[in-house]
Amino acid sequence: MNWKINEIANLYDISAHTLRYYEEIKLVVPRRGENNYRIYTDENLQQLNIIRDLRKFNIPLEEIKDYLEKRTVEKTLNLLKKQQLFIEQELAALQEMQHIVEERIDVFTQTVTCAEGKCELIDCPDRYVIASIDNDIDSEHVDLSLKELYKKYENNLPHLEQHMIGSFLYNTEGNSISHRVFYFIENASDSHTTILPKGKYAAICYKGSYKKTEQYIVKLKEYINDNKLEMDGELFETYIVDFHETHIVDEYVTRIEVKIKETT
């Protein structure tokens, strides 16, 4: 059978422009009929089937062209091995995403029901964050700074957008708190990683507007002083539920933490 370019475009769900490009690079070359119309043959369909299958595995067109022109059992085996590697990488990426989402669900379900304003000591393992260099970010620019931080690391740290976000808190005794924003990450694989060391942390949760941060910092510090504890690091807050999860500000959940110095 023979087919016209529009029929092939519909059959393979690709544009006529793409088919003309394939012809231009001599990947799929139809014969010419009356009035110089492109006529696609069974052989062209076989070529398009192979191209469609290999493109699913991100095989470059140049490599596909070489394969179509010089197909052998050995070349086919090599391509199958490449497909196998691609699938393994995709599965690993999906498993990583699954792990991130499962952790996010755990934190989400535990914290959404948190007792607002209740101070507590919690045991935490080592945690890792990628943080901004700037530690003088005002509250109005926290979201923008998080976007800039994401842009900086999105290629090195895939699925970064799935991770929890937060900020270190500075000038907490002053009139205006400043921030250093961060993303939590899985491990210390990046040289710019900051470690939140394992140990006991004093923590407090609150719901609603971020304007409440200062009053809950005061409450957490009072708890630390009343229990004769000593801070061992910077205060930081984690945005457990924010505008990503809800447009209702009263449903926001923020946790403020600080490491407590170990007693001997």
Protein backbone atom coordinates (compact mmCIF):
# COMPACT_ATOMS: atom_id res chain seq x y z
CA MET A 1 0.00 0.00 0.00
CA ASN A 2 0.94 3.63 -0.43
CA TRP A 3 0.13 6.57 1.83
CA LYS A 4 0.21 10.35 1.54
CA ILE A 5 2.04 12.55 4.03
CA ASN A 6 -1.13 13.65 5.86
CA GLU A 7 -2.27 10.05 6.25
CA ILE A 8 1.10 9.11 7.75
CA ALA A 9 1.04 12.15 10.03
CA ASN A 10 -2.36 11.08 11.39
CA LEU A 11 -1.36 7.44 11.67
CA TYR A 12 1.77 8.16 13.72
CA ASP A 13 0.48 11.27 15.48
CA ILE A 14 3.38 13.38 14.23
CA SER A 15 3.37 16.56 12.19
CA ALA A 16 3.92 16.84 8.46
CA HIS A 17 6.77 19.18 9.35
CA THR A 18 8.49 16.35 11.25
CA LEU A 19 8.08 13.99 8.30
CA ARG A 20 9.57 16.59 5.96
CA TYR A 21 12.49 16.95 8.38
CA TYR A 22 13.00 13.17 8.40
CA GLU A 23 13.20 13.34 4.61
CA GLU A 24 15.61 16.28 4.73
CA ILE A 25 18.08 14.36 6.91
CA LYS A 26 17.51 11.21 4.81
CA LEU A 27 16.05 9.29 7.73
CA VAL A 28 12.78 8.37 6.00
CA VAL A 29 12.71 9.17 2.28
CA PRO A 30 9.38 8.63 0.48
CA ARG A 31 9.25 8.22 -3.26
CA ARG A 32 7.67 10.91 -5.40
CA GLY A 33 4.45 10.41 -7.34
CA GLU A 34 2.47 12.60 -9.70
CA ASN A 35 2.91 16.33 -9.18
CA ASN A 36 5.92 15.45 -7.00
CA TYR A 37 3.66 14.35 -4.10
CA ARG A 38 5.33 12.28 -1.38
CA ILE A 39 4.30 8.63 -1.43
CA TYR A 40 5.08 6.51 1.64
CA THR A 41 5.55 2.76 1.21
CA ASP A 42 5.49 -0.28 3.50
CA GLU A 43 9.26 0.08 3.88
CA ASN A 44 8.81 3.67 5.09
CA LEU A 45 6.25 2.45 7.64
CA GLN A 46 8.74 -0.10 8.94
CA GLN A 47 11.29 2.69 9.33
CA LEU A 48 8.77 4.89 11.16
CA ASN A 49 7.87 2.02 13.48
CA ILE A 50 11.52 1.61 14.45
CA ILE A 51 11.97 5.38 14.90
CA ARG A 52 8.87 5.60 17.11
CA ASP A 53 10.05 2.74 19.32
CA LEU A 54 13.63 3.99 19.68
CA ARG A 55 12.63 7.60 20.38
CA LYS A 56 10.81 6.34 23.48
CA PHE A 57 14.26 5.50 24.85
CA ASN A 58 15.81 8.87 23.94
CA ILE A 59 17.96 7.37 21.17
CA PRO A 60 19.26 10.30 19.04
CA LEU A 61 18.03 10.55 15.45
CA GLU A 62 21.59 10.36 14.13
CA GLU A 63 22.09 7.02 15.87
CA ILE A 64 18.71 5.78 14.63
CA LYS A 65 19.67 6.75 11.07
CA ASP A 66 22.89 4.79 11.33
CA TYR A 67 20.96 1.81 12.69
CA LEU A 68 18.38 1.91 9.89
CA GLU A 69 21.10 2.01 7.25
CA LYS A 70 23.36 -0.66 8.78
CA ARG A 71 21.12 -2.94 10.83
CA THR A 72 22.77 -6.10 12.11
CA VAL A 73 22.08 -8.50 14.95
CA GLU A 74 25.01 -7.00 16.86
CA LYS A 75 23.70 -3.44 16.46
CA THR A 76 20.23 -4.56 17.53
CA LEU A 77 21.67 -6.21 20.64
CA ASN A 78 23.57 -3.02 21.51
CA LEU A 79 20.40 -0.98 21.15
CA LEU A 80 18.49 -3.40 23.35
CA LYS A 81 21.15 -2.99 26.04
CA LYS A 82 20.79 0.78 25.79
CA GLN A 83 17.03 0.41 26.18
CA GLN A 84 17.58 -1.79 29.21
CA LEU A 85 19.86 0.83 30.80
CA PHE A 86 17.33 3.57 30.07
CA ILE A 87 14.55 1.57 31.73
CA GLU A 88 16.73 0.88 34.79
CA GLN A 89 17.49 4.60 35.14
CA GLU A 90 13.82 5.50 34.76
CA LEU A 91 12.84 2.92 37.38
CA ALA A 92 15.48 4.25 39.80
CA ALA A 93 14.19 7.80 39.29
CA LEU A 94 10.60 6.67 39.86
CA GLN A 95 11.61 4.79 43.01
CA GLU A 96 13.35 7.90 44.31
CA MET A 97 10.25 9.96 43.60
CA GLN A 98 8.09 7.34 45.31
CA HIS A 99 10.30 7.49 48.41
CA ILE A 100 10.11 11.30 48.46
CA VAL A 101 6.33 11.29 48.09
CA GLU A 102 5.92 8.64 50.81
CA GLU A 103 8.04 10.70 53.20
CA ARG A 104 6.06 13.79 52.28
CA ILE A 105 2.80 11.97 53.04
CA ASP A 106 4.14 10.81 56.43
CA VAL A 107 5.25 14.29 57.45
CA PHE A 108 2.07 15.82 56.07
CA THR A 109 -0.30 13.49 57.94
CA GLN A 110 1.67 13.76 61.19
CA THR A 111 1.93 17.54 61.15
CA VAL A 112 -1.47 18.57 59.82
CA THR A 113 -2.92 17.32 63.11
CA CYS A 114 -0.18 18.90 65.24
CA ALA A 115 -1.14 20.59 68.51
CA GLU A 116 -0.69 24.25 67.72
CA GLY A 117 1.59 26.06 70.13
CA LYS A 118 2.76 22.92 71.95
CA CYS A 119 6.51 22.89 72.52
CA GLU A 120 8.27 19.55 72.51
CA LEU A 121 11.66 17.90 72.28
CA ILE A 122 12.10 15.62 69.27
CA ASP A 123 14.94 13.28 68.30
CA CYS A 124 16.11 13.84 64.73
CA PRO A 125 18.63 12.02 62.53
CA ASP A 126 21.11 13.88 60.36
CA ARG A 127 19.20 15.98 57.86
CA TYR A 128 20.56 17.64 54.76
CA VAL A 129 19.61 20.90 53.08
CA ILE A 130 20.68 22.96 50.10
CA ALA A 131 20.58 26.57 51.29
CA SER A 132 20.87 29.99 49.69
CA ILE A 133 24.04 32.00 50.20
CA ASP A 134 22.09 35.10 51.15
CA ASN A 135 21.01 35.11 54.80
CA ASP A 136 19.37 38.54 54.77
CA ILE A 137 16.19 37.75 52.83
CA ASP A 138 13.11 39.58 54.06
CA SER A 139 9.85 37.71 54.53
CA GLU A 140 8.27 39.17 51.39
CA HIS A 141 10.99 37.68 49.19
CA VAL A 142 11.18 34.15 50.66
CA ASP A 143 9.13 32.62 47.84
CA LEU A 144 11.17 34.34 45.12
CA SER A 145 14.43 33.23 46.77
CA LEU A 146 13.19 29.63 46.90
CA LYS A 147 12.43 29.78 43.18
CA GLU A 148 15.94 31.14 42.50
CA LEU A 149 17.50 28.40 44.64
CA TYR A 150 15.49 25.75 42.79
CA LYS A 151 16.61 27.16 39.44
CA LYS A 152 20.24 27.01 40.55
CA TYR A 153 20.16 23.32 41.49
CA GLU A 154 17.36 21.76 39.39
CA ASN A 155 19.80 20.07 36.97
CA ASN A 156 22.04 18.61 39.69
CA LEU A 157 19.26 17.57 42.04
CA PRO A 158 16.33 16.04 40.14
CA HIS A 159 12.91 16.09 41.82
CA LEU A 160 14.04 18.97 44.05
CA GLU A 161 10.58 20.50 43.69
CA GLN A 162 9.14 17.49 45.59
CA HIS A 163 11.21 18.17 48.71
CA MET A 164 10.22 20.08 51.83
CA ILE A 165 11.24 23.72 52.02
CA GLY A 166 12.12 26.05 54.86
CA SER A 167 14.39 28.85 56.02
CA PHE A 168 16.92 29.62 58.72
CA LEU A 169 15.80 32.53 60.88
CA TYR A 170 18.06 35.45 61.76
CA ASN A 171 17.63 38.70 63.68
CA THR A 172 14.92 37.03 65.76
CA GLU A 173 15.44 39.54 68.58
CA GLY A 174 15.09 42.51 66.22
CA ASN A 175 12.22 44.25 64.53
CA SER A 176 12.31 42.24 61.31
CA ILE A 177 13.27 38.59 60.87
CA SER A 178 15.59 37.77 57.97
CA HIS A 179 15.78 34.41 56.22
CA ARG A 180 18.14 32.01 54.51
CA VAL A 181 15.98 29.67 52.46
CA PHE A 182 16.61 25.97 51.87
CA TYR A 183 15.37 22.71 50.38
CA PHE A 184 15.66 19.43 52.26
CA ILE A 185 17.49 16.78 50.21
CA GLU A 186 18.10 13.05 50.60
CA ASN A 187 21.81 13.01 51.40
CA ALA A 188 25.06 14.97 51.36
CA SER A 189 25.82 14.18 47.72
CA ASP A 190 26.27 17.84 46.76
CA SER A 191 29.29 19.85 47.92
CA HIS A 192 27.02 22.74 48.89
CA THR A 193 25.01 20.65 51.35
CA THR A 194 24.43 21.97 54.87
CA ILE A 195 23.92 19.34 57.57
CA LEU A 196 21.37 19.68 60.33
CA PRO A 197 23.12 17.31 62.76
CA LYS A 198 21.32 14.53 64.57
CA GLY A 199 20.23 15.16 68.12
CA LYS A 200 17.45 16.67 70.16
CA TYR A 201 15.53 19.61 68.75
CA ALA A 202 13.06 21.89 70.48
CA ALA A 203 10.09 22.34 68.16
CA ILE A 204 6.77 24.13 67.97
CA CYS A 205 4.06 24.10 65.29
CA TYR A 206 1.61 26.78 64.36
CA LYS A 207 -1.14 27.16 61.81
CA GLY A 208 -2.03 30.11 59.66
CA SER A 209 -0.25 33.27 58.53
CA TYR A 210 3.53 33.59 58.67
CA LYS A 211 2.98 36.78 60.64
CA LYS A 212 2.70 34.47 63.66
CA THR A 213 6.34 33.40 63.39
CA GLU A 214 7.70 35.96 65.85
CA GLN A 215 5.23 35.14 68.63
CA TYR A 216 5.94 31.41 68.33
CA ILE A 217 9.69 32.01 68.36
CA VAL A 218 9.19 33.83 71.66
CA LYS A 219 7.14 30.93 73.00
CA LEU A 220 9.77 28.36 71.93
CA LYS A 221 12.56 30.38 73.56
CA GLU A 222 10.53 30.64 76.78
CA TYR A 223 10.15 26.85 76.76
CA ILE A 224 13.91 26.44 76.30
CA ASN A 225 14.70 28.84 79.15
CA ASP A 226 12.06 27.42 81.50
CA ASN A 227 13.50 23.92 81.02
CA LYS A 228 17.09 25.14 81.46
CA LEU A 229 18.02 24.06 77.95
CA GLU A 230 20.55 25.72 75.66
CA MET A 231 20.27 26.33 71.93
CA ASP A 232 23.01 24.80 69.79
CA GLY A 233 22.50 26.32 66.35
CA GLU A 234 20.23 28.52 64.31
CA LEU A 235 16.48 28.62 64.56
CA PHE A 236 14.77 27.45 61.38
CA GLU A 237 11.25 26.90 60.16
CA THR A 238 9.86 24.27 57.82
CA TYR A 239 6.82 25.01 55.68
CA ILE A 240 4.93 21.75 56.11
CA VAL A 241 1.76 23.02 54.44
CA ASP A 242 1.90 26.18 52.37
CA PHE A 243 0.45 27.62 49.18
CA HIS A 244 1.57 24.52 47.25
CA GLU A 245 -0.98 22.42 49.15
CA THR A 246 -3.77 24.90 49.90
CA HIS A 247 -4.93 28.39 49.04
CA ILE A 248 -6.50 28.76 52.50
CA VAL A 249 -3.95 30.58 54.68
CA ASP A 250 -5.55 29.26 57.88
CA GLU A 251 -4.59 25.72 56.75
CA TYR A 252 -0.86 26.56 56.51
CA VAL A 253 1.29 24.58 58.96
CA THR A 254 4.76 25.77 59.94
CA ARG A 255 7.19 24.10 62.34
CA ILE A 256 9.95 26.08 64.08
CA GLU A 257 12.94 24.14 65.39
CA VAL A 258 16.34 24.62 66.98
CA LYS A 259 18.95 22.08 68.06
CA ILE A 260 19.46 21.71 71.79
CA LYS A 261 22.94 21.36 73.27
CA GLU A 262 23.57 17.90 74.66
CA THR A 263 24.16 17.70 78.41
CA THR A 264 27.05 15.64 79.72
